[in-house]
């Protein structure tokens, strides 16, 4: 007999056309305000008298601050309100984004970027929780994948916009102009978002019933409450933490140094570097959608993390090794970035199932919190290795590529609810699967 979750067609798609777009816009701006520092490195280095290692530290310290509100953000989104929590934090992060353009020395820069990390910290797990309240498992990898196109879209926008701002002004105005955007998006978030289908007047009755029935069916055997300590005892959650950490080492190491890599390859102006830097993220959008759709179809979440990680690892190193052929290097970098982002939908669909719904927000917060420390390590390693190698990016690319490949291989060890294809053989999943190994 067909399950409720298999009957989603024809009940309405408002959850796709209203909720997902505004969530994308919020995180586009969030991602812009954390990564535009990659375009500011050169100007900051000159004005604040800091070398590449210090620039890498300034780019990476965001992720130390990012740690603090991850678990509280996911927990508050599940127990209180994702809508209210995210809305408040949008306004706070806007303040620190603008202040990034007003710093007068290296110490002030580190403090402001650290506080920006705190302000943005809980938003990712809170929106993950919000989406899990609106999309049943059979749609979740696609929902996460489409939402996470925000990273690629943001980079496509950030690259040429930042390049243009730098061409007419300087790095200070780059931070100030892009830091104003959160204050524009906050009213849209408060006006369009609802925490659950039952709280949204704009959802049709059939769509609301489909979502609520499907979620109830999926979580019928899950406890309504459980000790929060179970999150920390789960071997599955800790494996996902390590996987995500390794991915962030590779991704942010590539992302924040990409403008520098493109400039070294093309030797172009700020505007040209901005335009060329946007190209790899177009590949990422395609990869995100196709990989998430395939993962929803076959349930092989682990495989659909490994595949893009392997592609990213090989093409990243090749792009640098063949950097003397500019067009080929850009094509390979594009495949590397596409792979480095295409894992997102399947990975977070897996993470959302790692623990029962009552603990899912905290679990995803923990994974994102500790995993994103890789976002500190990747840019910093990139800066240190470039200093040690006289400006070459080859040793950096090898380290980042190895991190991505190891992440994909480790993901293959994830079993149970978090990797549905394995669930078919063991339908009576119990809490022991959340505490394996």
Protein backbone atom coordinates (compact mmCIF):
# COMPACT_ATOMS: atom_id res chain seq x y z
CA UNK A 1 0.00 0.00 0.00
CA UNK A 2 1.30 3.46 -0.89
CA UNK A 3 2.47 5.56 2.03
CA UNK A 4 1.37 9.12 2.71
CA UNK A 5 4.82 10.32 1.69
CA UNK A 6 4.39 8.82 -1.78
CA UNK A 7 1.31 10.91 -2.48
CA UNK A 8 2.86 14.36 -2.56
CA UNK A 9 2.15 15.09 -6.20
CA UNK A 10 -0.74 17.44 -6.85
CA UNK A 11 -1.25 18.73 -3.28
CA UNK A 12 0.44 22.08 -3.88
CA UNK A 13 3.98 23.44 -3.96
CA UNK A 14 3.74 26.61 -1.87
CA UNK A 15 6.46 25.25 0.42
CA UNK A 16 8.77 25.31 -2.62
CA UNK A 17 7.74 28.67 -4.08
CA UNK A 18 7.47 30.79 -0.92
CA UNK A 19 9.50 29.32 1.92
CA UNK A 20 12.58 28.16 0.00
CA UNK A 21 13.16 31.39 -2.01
CA UNK A 22 13.16 33.68 1.05
CA UNK A 23 15.43 31.25 2.91
CA UNK A 24 17.77 31.30 -0.08
CA UNK A 25 17.89 35.11 -0.09
CA UNK A 26 18.70 35.25 3.64
CA UNK A 27 21.61 32.89 3.30
CA UNK A 28 22.86 34.48 0.09
CA UNK A 29 23.46 37.64 2.09
CA UNK A 30 24.84 35.72 5.07
CA UNK A 31 27.34 33.89 2.89
CA UNK A 32 28.26 37.11 1.09
CA UNK A 33 29.11 38.84 4.36
CA UNK A 34 31.39 36.03 5.52
CA UNK A 35 33.26 35.39 2.23
CA UNK A 36 33.66 38.86 0.72
CA UNK A 37 36.80 39.13 2.86
CA UNK A 38 38.49 37.00 0.18
CA UNK A 39 38.20 39.97 -2.19
CA UNK A 40 39.37 42.37 0.52
CA UNK A 41 42.58 40.47 1.35
CA UNK A 42 44.82 42.47 -0.97
CA UNK A 43 43.61 45.91 0.12
CA UNK A 44 43.54 44.96 3.80
CA UNK A 45 47.01 43.52 3.56
CA UNK A 46 48.32 46.84 2.27
CA UNK A 47 46.33 49.18 4.57
CA UNK A 48 46.58 47.14 7.77
CA UNK A 49 50.09 45.82 7.06
CA UNK A 50 49.25 42.12 7.38
CA UNK A 51 50.75 39.18 5.47
CA UNK A 52 48.94 36.25 3.83
CA UNK A 53 49.02 34.10 6.97
CA UNK A 54 47.38 36.91 8.94
CA UNK A 55 44.87 37.42 6.12
CA UNK A 56 44.03 33.72 6.30
CA UNK A 57 43.59 34.03 10.06
CA UNK A 58 41.24 36.99 9.58
CA UNK A 59 39.21 34.96 7.10
CA UNK A 60 39.14 31.88 9.30
CA UNK A 61 38.47 33.39 12.74
CA UNK A 62 34.85 33.92 11.69
CA UNK A 63 34.40 30.17 12.16
CA UNK A 64 35.62 30.22 15.75
CA UNK A 65 32.82 32.64 16.58
CA UNK A 66 30.50 30.62 14.36
CA UNK A 67 30.80 27.75 16.83
CA UNK A 68 28.98 29.35 19.75
CA UNK A 69 25.33 29.53 18.66
CA UNK A 70 25.18 26.39 16.51
CA UNK A 71 23.69 24.03 19.07
CA UNK A 72 21.57 26.71 20.80
CA UNK A 73 20.33 27.90 17.39
CA UNK A 74 19.22 24.43 16.30
CA UNK A 75 17.68 23.74 19.71
CA UNK A 76 15.81 27.06 19.85
CA UNK A 77 14.53 26.53 16.30
CA UNK A 78 13.09 23.15 17.32
CA UNK A 79 11.78 24.17 20.74
CA UNK A 80 10.97 27.88 20.25
CA UNK A 81 10.91 29.52 16.81
CA UNK A 82 13.26 29.37 13.85
CA UNK A 83 11.49 32.39 12.38
CA UNK A 84 12.09 34.64 15.39
CA UNK A 85 15.62 33.43 16.09
CA UNK A 86 16.82 33.90 12.50
CA UNK A 87 15.07 37.28 12.18
CA UNK A 88 16.80 38.66 15.25
CA UNK A 89 20.21 37.36 14.22
CA UNK A 90 19.89 38.86 10.72
CA UNK A 91 19.81 42.34 12.27
CA UNK A 92 22.71 41.64 14.64
CA UNK A 93 24.98 40.20 11.94
CA UNK A 94 24.28 43.26 9.77
CA UNK A 95 25.82 45.49 12.43
CA UNK A 96 29.09 43.54 12.51
CA UNK A 97 29.20 43.22 8.72
CA UNK A 98 29.21 47.03 8.44
CA UNK A 99 31.73 47.38 11.26
CA UNK A 100 34.14 45.17 9.29
CA UNK A 101 34.65 48.15 7.00
CA UNK A 102 35.48 50.51 9.86
CA UNK A 103 38.31 48.64 11.58
CA UNK A 104 41.63 50.45 11.98
CA UNK A 105 44.03 47.63 12.80
CA UNK A 106 44.50 43.86 12.69
CA UNK A 107 43.22 43.29 16.26
CA UNK A 108 39.97 45.15 15.57
CA UNK A 109 39.54 43.15 12.37
CA UNK A 110 39.89 39.86 14.25
CA UNK A 111 37.41 40.94 16.95
CA UNK A 112 34.76 42.12 14.49
CA UNK A 113 35.05 39.03 12.26
CA UNK A 114 34.84 36.83 15.37
CA UNK A 115 31.65 38.60 16.51
CA UNK A 116 30.22 38.36 12.99
CA UNK A 117 30.75 34.61 13.25
CA UNK A 118 28.81 34.47 16.52
CA UNK A 119 25.95 36.48 15.03
CA UNK A 120 25.65 34.24 11.97
CA UNK A 121 26.33 31.04 13.89
CA UNK A 122 22.88 29.68 14.63
CA UNK A 123 21.21 30.61 11.35
CA UNK A 124 22.27 27.56 9.32
CA UNK A 125 20.96 24.89 11.79
CA UNK A 126 17.84 26.96 12.46
CA UNK A 127 16.92 27.03 8.77
CA UNK A 128 17.76 23.31 8.47
CA UNK A 129 15.26 22.67 11.26
CA UNK A 130 12.70 24.95 9.61
CA UNK A 131 12.96 23.04 6.33
CA UNK A 132 12.64 19.70 8.13
CA UNK A 133 9.25 20.91 9.45
CA UNK A 134 8.04 21.53 5.91
CA UNK A 135 9.52 18.74 3.77
CA UNK A 136 9.09 14.99 4.27
CA UNK A 137 12.12 12.73 3.89
CA UNK A 138 11.36 11.87 0.26
CA UNK A 139 11.74 15.56 -0.64
CA UNK A 140 14.35 16.61 1.87
CA UNK A 141 17.61 16.14 -0.06
CA UNK A 142 16.15 18.22 -2.89
CA UNK A 143 14.80 20.84 -0.48
CA UNK A 144 18.18 21.16 1.22
CA UNK A 145 19.97 21.04 -2.13
CA UNK A 146 17.82 23.80 -3.66
CA UNK A 147 18.13 25.94 -0.52
CA UNK A 148 21.88 25.40 -0.44
CA UNK A 149 22.16 26.79 -3.93
CA UNK A 150 22.32 30.00 -1.90
CA UNK A 151 26.06 29.40 -1.47
CA UNK A 152 26.65 29.19 -5.21
CA UNK A 153 24.23 32.01 -6.04
CA UNK A 154 25.79 34.20 -3.37
CA UNK A 155 29.23 33.56 -4.79
CA UNK A 156 28.03 34.35 -8.31
CA UNK A 157 26.65 37.65 -7.03
CA UNK A 158 29.46 38.39 -4.59
CA UNK A 159 32.28 37.89 -7.08
CA UNK A 160 31.34 40.47 -9.74
CA UNK A 161 29.70 42.82 -7.21
CA UNK A 162 32.77 42.81 -4.99
CA UNK A 163 35.05 43.18 -7.98
CA UNK A 164 33.04 46.19 -9.18
CA UNK A 165 32.96 47.85 -5.73
CA UNK A 166 36.73 47.45 -5.46
CA UNK A 167 37.15 48.93 -8.94
CA UNK A 168 35.37 52.15 -7.92
CA UNK A 169 36.24 52.29 -4.22
CA UNK A 170 38.10 50.16 -1.66
CA UNK A 171 37.75 47.19 0.70
CA UNK A 172 36.14 49.33 3.41
CA UNK A 173 33.20 50.25 1.19
CA UNK A 174 33.01 46.63 0.08
CA UNK A 175 32.15 45.59 3.66
CA UNK A 176 29.87 48.58 4.31
CA UNK A 177 27.78 48.32 1.13
CA UNK A 178 27.29 44.55 1.35
CA UNK A 179 26.73 44.83 5.12
CA UNK A 180 23.61 46.94 4.56
CA UNK A 181 21.76 44.11 2.82
CA UNK A 182 20.72 42.26 6.03
CA UNK A 183 18.66 45.27 7.11
CA UNK A 184 16.79 45.12 3.78
CA UNK A 185 16.02 41.39 3.95
CA UNK A 186 14.88 41.22 7.62
CA UNK A 187 11.31 42.55 7.00
CA UNK A 188 10.87 40.09 4.13
CA UNK A 189 11.85 37.19 6.39
CA UNK A 190 9.43 38.19 9.16
CA UNK A 191 6.62 38.75 6.66
CA UNK A 192 6.86 35.57 4.57
CA UNK A 193 8.05 32.77 6.85
CA UNK A 194 6.12 30.49 9.23
CA UNK A 195 7.65 27.90 11.54
CA UNK A 196 5.24 25.10 10.67
CA UNK A 197 2.45 24.43 8.16
CA UNK A 198 -0.13 24.74 10.94
CA UNK A 199 0.95 28.38 11.47
CA UNK A 200 0.83 29.41 7.80
CA UNK A 201 -2.42 30.78 6.41
CA UNK A 202 -0.93 30.78 2.91
CA UNK A 203 -0.72 26.97 2.69
CA UNK A 204 -3.67 25.11 1.19
CA UNK A 205 -5.43 22.50 3.30
CA UNK A 206 -4.34 19.56 1.07
CA UNK A 207 -0.69 20.64 1.15
CA UNK A 208 -0.78 21.15 4.92
CA UNK A 209 -2.37 17.75 5.44
CA UNK A 210 0.15 16.05 3.16
CA UNK A 211 3.13 17.54 5.02
CA UNK A 212 1.81 16.88 8.50
CA UNK A 213 0.67 13.32 7.75
CA UNK A 214 3.94 12.45 6.01
CA UNK A 215 6.05 13.76 8.88
CA UNK A 216 3.88 11.99 11.43
CA UNK A 217 4.25 8.72 9.53
CA UNK A 218 8.02 9.05 9.25
CA UNK A 219 8.43 9.74 12.95
CA UNK A 220 5.81 7.34 14.27
CA UNK A 221 8.42 5.13 15.95
CA UNK A 222 10.59 8.00 17.22
CA UNK A 223 10.35 9.17 20.84
CA UNK A 224 8.64 12.53 21.37
CA UNK A 225 11.40 13.49 23.77
CA UNK A 226 14.82 12.17 24.63
CA UNK A 227 17.78 13.26 26.76
CA UNK A 228 19.84 15.86 24.91
CA UNK A 229 22.94 13.98 26.02
CA UNK A 230 22.00 11.28 23.48
CA UNK A 231 23.25 13.62 20.76
CA UNK A 232 26.75 13.57 22.27
CA UNK A 233 26.66 9.78 22.71
CA UNK A 234 25.80 9.07 19.08
CA UNK A 235 28.62 7.56 17.04
CA UNK A 236 26.70 8.45 13.90
CA UNK A 237 26.58 12.13 14.82
CA UNK A 238 30.32 12.21 15.57
CA UNK A 239 31.16 10.60 12.24
CA UNK A 240 29.09 13.25 10.50
CA UNK A 241 30.96 15.93 12.49
CA UNK A 242 34.30 14.65 11.18
CA UNK A 243 32.98 14.35 7.61
CA UNK A 244 31.70 17.91 7.69
CA UNK A 245 34.92 19.22 9.25
CA UNK A 246 37.02 17.73 6.45
CA UNK A 247 34.65 19.09 3.80
CA UNK A 248 34.83 22.58 5.26
CA UNK A 249 38.63 22.46 5.33
CA UNK A 250 38.57 21.80 1.60
CA UNK A 251 35.66 24.03 0.62
CA UNK A 252 36.54 27.19 2.54
CA UNK A 253 40.23 26.76 1.80
CA UNK A 254 39.24 26.87 -1.88
CA UNK A 255 36.46 29.44 -1.54
CA UNK A 256 38.32 32.18 0.31
CA UNK A 257 41.50 31.83 -1.74
CA UNK A 258 39.69 31.39 -5.07
CA UNK A 259 39.91 35.10 -6.08
CA UNK A 260 43.67 34.98 -5.43
CA UNK A 261 43.99 31.74 -7.40
CA UNK A 262 42.01 33.18 -10.31
CA UNK A 263 44.07 36.38 -10.30
CA UNK A 264 47.29 34.36 -10.38
CA UNK A 265 45.93 32.29 -13.27
CA UNK A 266 44.46 35.08 -15.39
CA UNK A 267 46.51 38.08 -14.29
CA UNK A 268 43.39 40.19 -14.83
CA UNK A 269 41.83 43.26 -13.23
CA UNK A 270 39.52 43.20 -10.20
CA UNK A 271 36.46 43.21 -12.47
CA UNK A 272 37.77 40.32 -14.61
CA UNK A 273 38.71 38.33 -11.50
CA UNK A 274 35.20 38.91 -10.12
CA UNK A 275 33.53 37.70 -13.31
CA UNK A 276 35.77 34.63 -13.73
CA UNK A 277 35.44 33.73 -10.05
CA UNK A 278 31.66 33.49 -10.53
CA UNK A 279 31.93 30.79 -13.21
CA UNK A 280 32.68 27.81 -10.90
CA UNK A 281 29.54 28.49 -8.89
CA UNK A 282 27.34 28.01 -11.95
CA UNK A 283 28.71 24.47 -12.09
CA UNK A 284 27.93 24.16 -8.38
CA UNK A 285 24.24 25.04 -8.88
CA UNK A 286 23.86 22.30 -11.49
CA UNK A 287 25.72 19.82 -9.30
CA UNK A 288 23.64 20.63 -6.23
CA UNK A 289 20.36 19.99 -7.99
CA UNK A 290 21.30 16.87 -9.95
CA UNK A 291 23.05 15.20 -7.01
CA UNK A 292 20.22 15.95 -4.57
CA UNK A 293 17.58 14.69 -6.99
CA UNK A 294 19.50 11.46 -7.49
CA UNK A 295 19.93 11.03 -3.72
CA UNK A 296 16.19 11.45 -3.11
CA UNK A 297 15.50 8.91 -5.84
CA UNK A 298 17.79 6.13 -4.59
CA UNK A 299 18.36 7.00 -0.94
CA UNK A 300 22.13 6.48 -1.24
CA UNK A 301 23.11 9.56 0.71
CA UNK A 302 26.64 8.35 1.48
CA UNK A 303 27.46 7.60 -2.15
CA UNK A 304 26.15 11.00 -3.22
CA UNK A 305 28.57 12.62 -0.79
CA UNK A 306 31.55 10.52 -1.87
CA UNK A 307 31.09 11.08 -5.62
CA UNK A 308 31.29 14.90 -5.64
CA UNK A 309 34.11 14.84 -3.06
CA UNK A 310 36.19 12.59 -5.31
CA UNK A 311 35.54 14.82 -8.33
CA UNK A 312 36.44 17.96 -6.35
CA UNK A 313 39.64 16.44 -4.98
CA UNK A 314 41.07 15.38 -8.33
CA UNK A 315 40.06 18.45 -10.32
CA UNK A 316 41.28 20.92 -7.68
CA UNK A 317 44.83 19.58 -7.76
CA UNK A 318 44.75 19.27 -11.55
CA UNK A 319 43.55 22.87 -11.93
CA UNK A 320 46.59 24.18 -10.07
CA UNK A 321 49.07 21.79 -11.70
CA UNK A 322 47.83 22.96 -15.13
CA UNK A 323 47.58 26.62 -14.12
CA UNK A 324 49.77 27.69 -17.04
CA UNK A 325 46.85 26.84 -19.37
CA UNK A 326 44.38 29.46 -18.12
CA UNK A 327 41.18 28.24 -19.80
CA UNK A 328 41.75 24.61 -18.76
CA UNK A 329 42.58 25.64 -15.21
CA UNK A 330 39.32 27.60 -14.92
CA UNK A 331 37.31 24.64 -16.27
CA UNK A 332 38.92 22.30 -13.74
CA UNK A 333 38.42 24.79 -10.89
CA UNK A 334 34.74 24.93 -11.92
CA UNK A 335 34.38 21.17 -11.59
CA UNK A 336 36.23 21.32 -8.26
CA UNK A 337 33.85 23.93 -6.87
CA UNK A 338 30.86 22.06 -8.29
CA UNK A 339 31.96 18.92 -6.44
CA UNK A 340 32.85 20.80 -3.27
CA UNK A 341 29.24 22.02 -2.99
CA UNK A 342 27.16 19.26 -4.60
CA UNK A 343 27.36 17.07 -1.48
CA UNK A 344 25.21 19.47 0.56
CA UNK A 345 21.68 18.15 -0.08
CA UNK A 346 22.40 14.45 0.58
CA UNK A 347 24.66 15.23 3.53
CA UNK A 348 22.13 17.36 5.41
CA UNK A 349 19.27 15.03 4.53
CA UNK A 350 21.37 12.34 6.19
CA UNK A 351 22.16 14.56 9.18
CA UNK A 352 18.47 15.42 9.67
CA UNK A 353 17.80 11.69 10.15
CA UNK A 354 20.76 10.94 12.39
CA UNK A 355 18.66 11.49 15.51
CA UNK A 356 14.91 11.46 16.30
CA UNK A 357 13.07 14.68 15.44
CA UNK A 358 13.12 15.86 19.06
CA UNK A 359 16.93 15.95 18.95
CA UNK A 360 17.49 16.68 15.25
CA UNK A 361 17.99 20.43 15.70
CA UNK A 362 20.65 20.00 18.36
CA UNK A 363 22.37 17.25 16.38
CA UNK A 364 22.55 19.38 13.23
CA UNK A 365 23.78 22.30 15.32
CA UNK A 366 26.57 20.16 16.77
CA UNK A 367 27.56 18.88 13.32
CA UNK A 368 27.60 22.38 11.86
CA UNK A 369 29.35 23.90 14.89
CA UNK A 370 32.31 21.56 15.13
CA UNK A 371 32.39 20.79 11.42
CA UNK A 372 32.70 24.46 10.52
CA UNK A 373 35.92 24.71 12.51
CA UNK A 374 37.31 23.31 9.28
CA UNK A 375 36.35 26.66 7.79
CA UNK A 376 38.93 28.21 10.11
CA UNK A 377 41.63 25.67 9.37
CA UNK A 378 41.29 25.60 5.58
CA UNK A 379 41.92 29.31 4.84
CA UNK A 380 44.64 29.50 7.49
CA UNK A 381 46.48 26.45 6.11
CA UNK A 382 46.15 27.98 2.65
CA UNK A 383 47.82 31.18 3.78
CA UNK A 384 50.62 29.45 5.70
CA UNK A 385 51.45 27.06 2.84
CA UNK A 386 51.52 29.89 0.32
CA UNK A 387 53.95 31.83 2.51
CA UNK A 388 56.13 28.72 2.93
CA UNK A 389 56.12 27.95 -0.81
CA UNK A 390 56.77 31.45 -2.02
CA UNK A 391 53.22 32.07 -3.23
CA UNK A 392 52.52 28.71 -4.92
CA UNK A 393 49.05 27.23 -4.42
CA UNK A 394 50.01 23.65 -5.37
CA UNK A 395 50.78 22.33 -1.88
CA UNK A 396 47.60 24.00 -0.62
CA UNK A 397 45.52 22.30 -3.32
CA UNK A 398 46.93 18.88 -2.40
CA UNK A 399 46.08 19.31 1.29
CA UNK A 400 42.58 20.59 0.51
CA UNK A 401 41.99 17.81 -2.03
CA UNK A 402 43.03 15.10 0.43
CA UNK A 403 40.64 16.53 3.05
CA UNK A 404 37.72 16.38 0.59
CA UNK A 405 38.48 12.81 -0.48
CA UNK A 406 38.83 11.58 3.12
CA UNK A 407 35.46 13.14 3.92
CA UNK A 408 33.77 11.22 1.13
CA UNK A 409 35.34 7.93 2.16
CA UNK A 410 34.38 8.38 5.81
CA UNK A 411 30.78 9.11 4.80
CA UNK A 412 30.54 5.53 3.55
CA UNK A 413 30.59 4.37 7.19
CA UNK A 414 27.25 6.09 7.94
CA UNK A 415 24.42 3.57 8.35
CA UNK A 416 20.83 3.27 9.60
CA UNK A 417 18.27 6.09 9.44
CA UNK A 418 20.91 8.53 8.22
CA UNK A 419 21.49 6.52 5.05
CA UNK A 420 18.05 5.24 3.95
CA UNK A 421 19.31 2.72 1.40
CA UNK A 422 20.70 0.67 4.30
CA UNK A 423 17.43 1.04 6.17
CA UNK A 424 15.54 -1.23 3.79
CA UNK A 425 17.41 -4.24 5.12
CA UNK A 426 16.83 -3.27 8.75
CA UNK A 427 13.34 -1.76 9.02
CA UNK A 428 13.12 -1.97 12.81
CA UNK A 429 15.51 0.84 13.51
CA UNK A 430 15.76 1.68 17.18
CA UNK A 431 17.62 4.15 19.31
CA UNK A 432 20.63 1.84 19.35
CA UNK A 433 21.36 2.93 15.75
CA UNK A 434 21.75 6.48 16.95
CA UNK A 435 24.37 5.40 19.45
CA UNK A 436 26.35 2.93 17.32
CA UNK A 437 30.12 2.58 17.43
